[in-house]
Amino acid sequence: MNPTLPNRPPESAGAAAAEDEASARAVLNRLRRAQGQLAGVITMVEEGRDCRDCRDVVTQLAAVSRALDRAGFKIIAGRMRECLTAPEDGGTPAMNEAELEKLFLTLA
């Protein structure tokens, strides 16, 4: 059994690893998209377009914010079960329900 995923049966460990990898790729894609959008906003502001094209700048900033929020929620959702059930160093779970709720609320 995989020591980092103690509550998963051995036959599902490979599927879980593939799911974790896919989730990590999705998060990275969202973060890269946000990075590109933010670079675009920075360019717009440097060119003075924030005054001329206020609507476009705000629209892009909102898109960056949404992409970052979704990446954060994806990270939390993808790790929620593991954080609540997987013991760190064979001891207690990495996070309790209240700590996970607090993380969620920091993004809300």
C-alpha atoms as a PDB file:
ATOM      1  CA  MET A   1       0.000   0.000   0.000  1.00  0.00           C
ATOM      2  CA  ASN A   2       1.201   3.521  -0.804  1.00  0.00           C
ATOM      3  CA  PRO A   3       2.278   5.178   2.472  1.00  0.00           C
ATOM      4  CA  THR A   4       1.077   8.634   1.361  1.00  0.00           C
ATOM      5  CA  LEU A   5      -2.416   7.331   0.627  1.00  0.00           C
ATOM      6  CA  PRO A   6      -3.111   4.956   3.517  1.00  0.00           C
ATOM      7  CA  ASN A   7      -6.889   4.761   3.160  1.00  0.00           C
ATOM      8  CA  ARG A   8      -6.906   3.721  -0.485  1.00  0.00           C
ATOM      9  CA  PRO A   9      -6.787   0.048  -1.398  1.00  0.00           C
ATOM     10  CA  PRO A  10      -3.687  -1.020  -3.380  1.00  0.00           C
ATOM     11  CA  GLU A  11      -5.626  -1.626  -6.597  1.00  0.00           C
ATOM     12  CA  SER A  12      -6.864   1.966  -6.654  1.00  0.00           C
ATOM     13  CA  ALA A  13      -3.487   3.559  -5.854  1.00  0.00           C
ATOM     14  CA  GLY A  14      -2.527   3.777  -9.549  1.00  0.00           C
ATOM     15  CA  ALA A  15      -5.831   5.378 -10.475  1.00  0.00           C
ATOM     16  CA  ALA A  16      -5.518   7.795  -7.558  1.00  0.00           C
ATOM     17  CA  ALA A  17      -2.007   8.791  -8.644  1.00  0.00           C
ATOM     18  CA  ALA A  18      -3.260   9.446 -12.184  1.00  0.00           C
ATOM     19  CA  GLU A  19      -6.135  11.507 -10.794  1.00  0.00           C
ATOM     20  CA  ASP A  20      -3.746  13.505  -8.594  1.00  0.00           C
ATOM     21  CA  GLU A  21      -1.476  14.146 -11.585  1.00  0.00           C
ATOM     22  CA  ALA A  22      -4.405  15.293 -13.729  1.00  0.00           C
ATOM     23  CA  SER A  23      -5.565  17.588 -10.936  1.00  0.00           C
ATOM     24  CA  ALA A  24      -2.077  19.077 -10.591  1.00  0.00           C
ATOM     25  CA  ARG A  25      -1.941  19.697 -14.356  1.00  0.00           C
ATOM     26  CA  ALA A  26      -5.328  21.426 -14.247  1.00  0.00           C
ATOM     27  CA  VAL A  27      -4.178  23.684 -11.394  1.00  0.00           C
ATOM     28  CA  LEU A  28      -0.956  24.547 -13.208  1.00  0.00           C
ATOM     29  CA  ASN A  29      -2.880  25.340 -16.389  1.00  0.00           C
ATOM     30  CA  ARG A  30      -5.170  27.704 -14.471  1.00  0.00           C
ATOM     31  CA  LEU A  31      -2.198  29.393 -12.800  1.00  0.00           C
ATOM     32  CA  ARG A  32      -0.357  29.812 -16.116  1.00  0.00           C
ATOM     33  CA  ARG A  33      -3.488  31.262 -17.693  1.00  0.00           C
ATOM     34  CA  ALA A  34      -3.799  33.716 -14.799  1.00  0.00           C
ATOM     35  CA  GLN A  35      -0.119  34.593 -15.144  1.00  0.00           C
ATOM     36  CA  GLY A  36      -0.608  35.377 -18.838  1.00  0.00           C
ATOM     37  CA  GLN A  37      -3.715  37.444 -18.152  1.00  0.00           C
ATOM     38  CA  LEU A  38      -1.929  39.357 -15.407  1.00  0.00           C
ATOM     39  CA  ALA A  39       1.000  40.052 -17.743  1.00  0.00           C
ATOM     40  CA  GLY A  40      -1.532  41.463 -20.204  1.00  0.00           C
ATOM     41  CA  VAL A  41      -3.029  43.720 -17.533  1.00  0.00           C
ATOM     42  CA  ILE A  42       0.432  44.945 -16.531  1.00  0.00           C
ATOM     43  CA  THR A  43       1.170  45.789 -20.168  1.00  0.00           C
ATOM     44  CA  MET A  44      -2.146  47.632 -20.485  1.00  0.00           C
ATOM     45  CA  VAL A  45      -1.380  49.720 -17.399  1.00  0.00           C
ATOM     46  CA  GLU A  46       2.199  50.414 -18.544  1.00  0.00           C
ATOM     47  CA  GLU A  47       0.816  51.647 -21.875  1.00  0.00           C
ATOM     48  CA  GLY A  48      -1.715  53.887 -20.117  1.00  0.00           C
ATOM     49  CA  ARG A  49      -4.642  51.868 -21.389  1.00  0.00           C
ATOM     50  CA  ASP A  50      -6.092  51.645 -17.881  1.00  0.00           C
ATOM     51  CA  CYS A  51      -7.430  55.165 -18.419  1.00  0.00           C
ATOM     52  CA  ARG A  52      -8.574  54.692 -22.038  1.00  0.00           C
ATOM     53  CA  ASP A  53      -9.752  51.094 -21.874  1.00  0.00           C
ATOM     54  CA  CYS A  54     -10.926  50.853 -18.281  1.00  0.00           C
ATOM     55  CA  ARG A  55     -13.529  48.229 -19.131  1.00  0.00           C
ATOM     56  CA  ASP A  56     -10.958  45.920 -20.745  1.00  0.00           C
ATOM     57  CA  VAL A  57      -8.528  46.260 -17.837  1.00  0.00           C
ATOM     58  CA  VAL A  58     -11.200  45.510 -15.247  1.00  0.00           C
ATOM     59  CA  THR A  59     -12.473  42.560 -17.309  1.00  0.00           C
ATOM     60  CA  GLN A  60      -8.967  41.099 -17.462  1.00  0.00           C
ATOM     61  CA  LEU A  61      -8.391  41.684 -13.747  1.00  0.00           C
ATOM     62  CA  ALA A  62     -11.646  39.876 -12.981  1.00  0.00           C
ATOM     63  CA  ALA A  63     -10.524  36.963 -15.168  1.00  0.00           C
ATOM     64  CA  VAL A  64      -7.201  36.785 -13.296  1.00  0.00           C
ATOM     65  CA  SER A  65      -9.013  36.809  -9.972  1.00  0.00           C
ATOM     66  CA  ARG A  66     -11.413  34.038 -11.048  1.00  0.00           C
ATOM     67  CA  ALA A  67      -8.570  31.890 -12.376  1.00  0.00           C
ATOM     68  CA  LEU A  68      -6.650  32.221  -9.103  1.00  0.00           C
ATOM     69  CA  ASP A  69      -9.759  31.481  -7.031  1.00  0.00           C
ATOM     70  CA  ARG A  70     -10.552  28.398  -9.083  1.00  0.00           C
ATOM     71  CA  ALA A  71      -6.982  27.156  -8.777  1.00  0.00           C
ATOM     72  CA  GLY A  72      -7.178  27.576  -5.004  1.00  0.00           C
ATOM     73  CA  PHE A  73     -10.503  25.778  -4.763  1.00  0.00           C
ATOM     74  CA  LYS A  74      -9.192  22.984  -6.986  1.00  0.00           C
ATOM     75  CA  ILE A  75      -6.179  22.540  -4.705  1.00  0.00           C
ATOM     76  CA  ILE A  76      -8.327  22.453  -1.586  1.00  0.00           C
ATOM     77  CA  ALA A  77     -10.982  20.181  -3.079  1.00  0.00           C
ATOM     78  CA  GLY A  78      -8.377  17.798  -4.447  1.00  0.00           C
ATOM     79  CA  ARG A  79      -6.698  17.447  -1.088  1.00  0.00           C
ATOM     80  CA  MET A  80      -9.701  17.612   1.228  1.00  0.00           C
ATOM     81  CA  ARG A  81     -10.176  13.896   1.687  1.00  0.00           C
ATOM     82  CA  GLU A  82      -6.453  13.270   2.026  1.00  0.00           C
ATOM     83  CA  CYS A  83      -6.035  16.104   4.527  1.00  0.00           C
ATOM     84  CA  LEU A  84      -8.863  14.824   6.680  1.00  0.00           C
ATOM     85  CA  THR A  85      -7.938  11.164   6.574  1.00  0.00           C
ATOM     86  CA  ALA A  86      -4.228  10.776   5.786  1.00  0.00           C
ATOM     87  CA  PRO A  87      -2.185  10.893   8.954  1.00  0.00           C
ATOM     88  CA  GLU A  88       1.055  12.838   8.897  1.00  0.00           C
ATOM     89  CA  ASP A  89       3.930  10.697  10.167  1.00  0.00           C
ATOM     90  CA  GLY A  90       1.435   8.032  11.165  1.00  0.00           C
ATOM     91  CA  GLY A  91      -0.265  10.410  13.613  1.00  0.00           C
ATOM     92  CA  THR A  92      -3.197  12.726  13.313  1.00  0.00           C
ATOM     93  CA  PRO A  93      -4.734  14.010  10.048  1.00  0.00           C
ATOM     94  CA  ALA A  94      -2.859  16.839   8.321  1.00  0.00           C
ATOM     95  CA  MET A  95      -5.831  19.189   8.763  1.00  0.00           C
ATOM     96  CA  ASN A  96      -9.084  19.037  10.621  1.00  0.00           C
ATOM     97  CA  GLU A  97     -12.452  20.088   9.250  1.00  0.00           C
ATOM     98  CA  ALA A  98     -12.284  23.556  10.837  1.00  0.00           C
ATOM     99  CA  GLU A  99      -8.881  24.247   9.263  1.00  0.00           C
ATOM    100  CA  LEU A 100     -10.131  23.193   5.824  1.00  0.00           C
ATOM    101  CA  GLU A 101     -13.212  25.369   6.224  1.00  0.00           C
ATOM    102  CA  LYS A 102     -10.974  28.314   7.113  1.00  0.00           C
ATOM    103  CA  LEU A 103      -8.917  27.704   3.946  1.00  0.00           C
ATOM    104  CA  PHE A 104     -12.086  27.659   1.859  1.00  0.00           C
ATOM    105  CA  LEU A 105     -13.275  30.895   3.432  1.00  0.00           C
ATOM    106  CA  THR A 106      -9.996  32.664   2.697  1.00  0.00           C
ATOM    107  CA  LEU A 107     -10.811  32.212  -0.987  1.00  0.00           C
ATOM    108  CA  ALA A 108     -14.467  33.178  -0.678  1.00  0.00           C
END
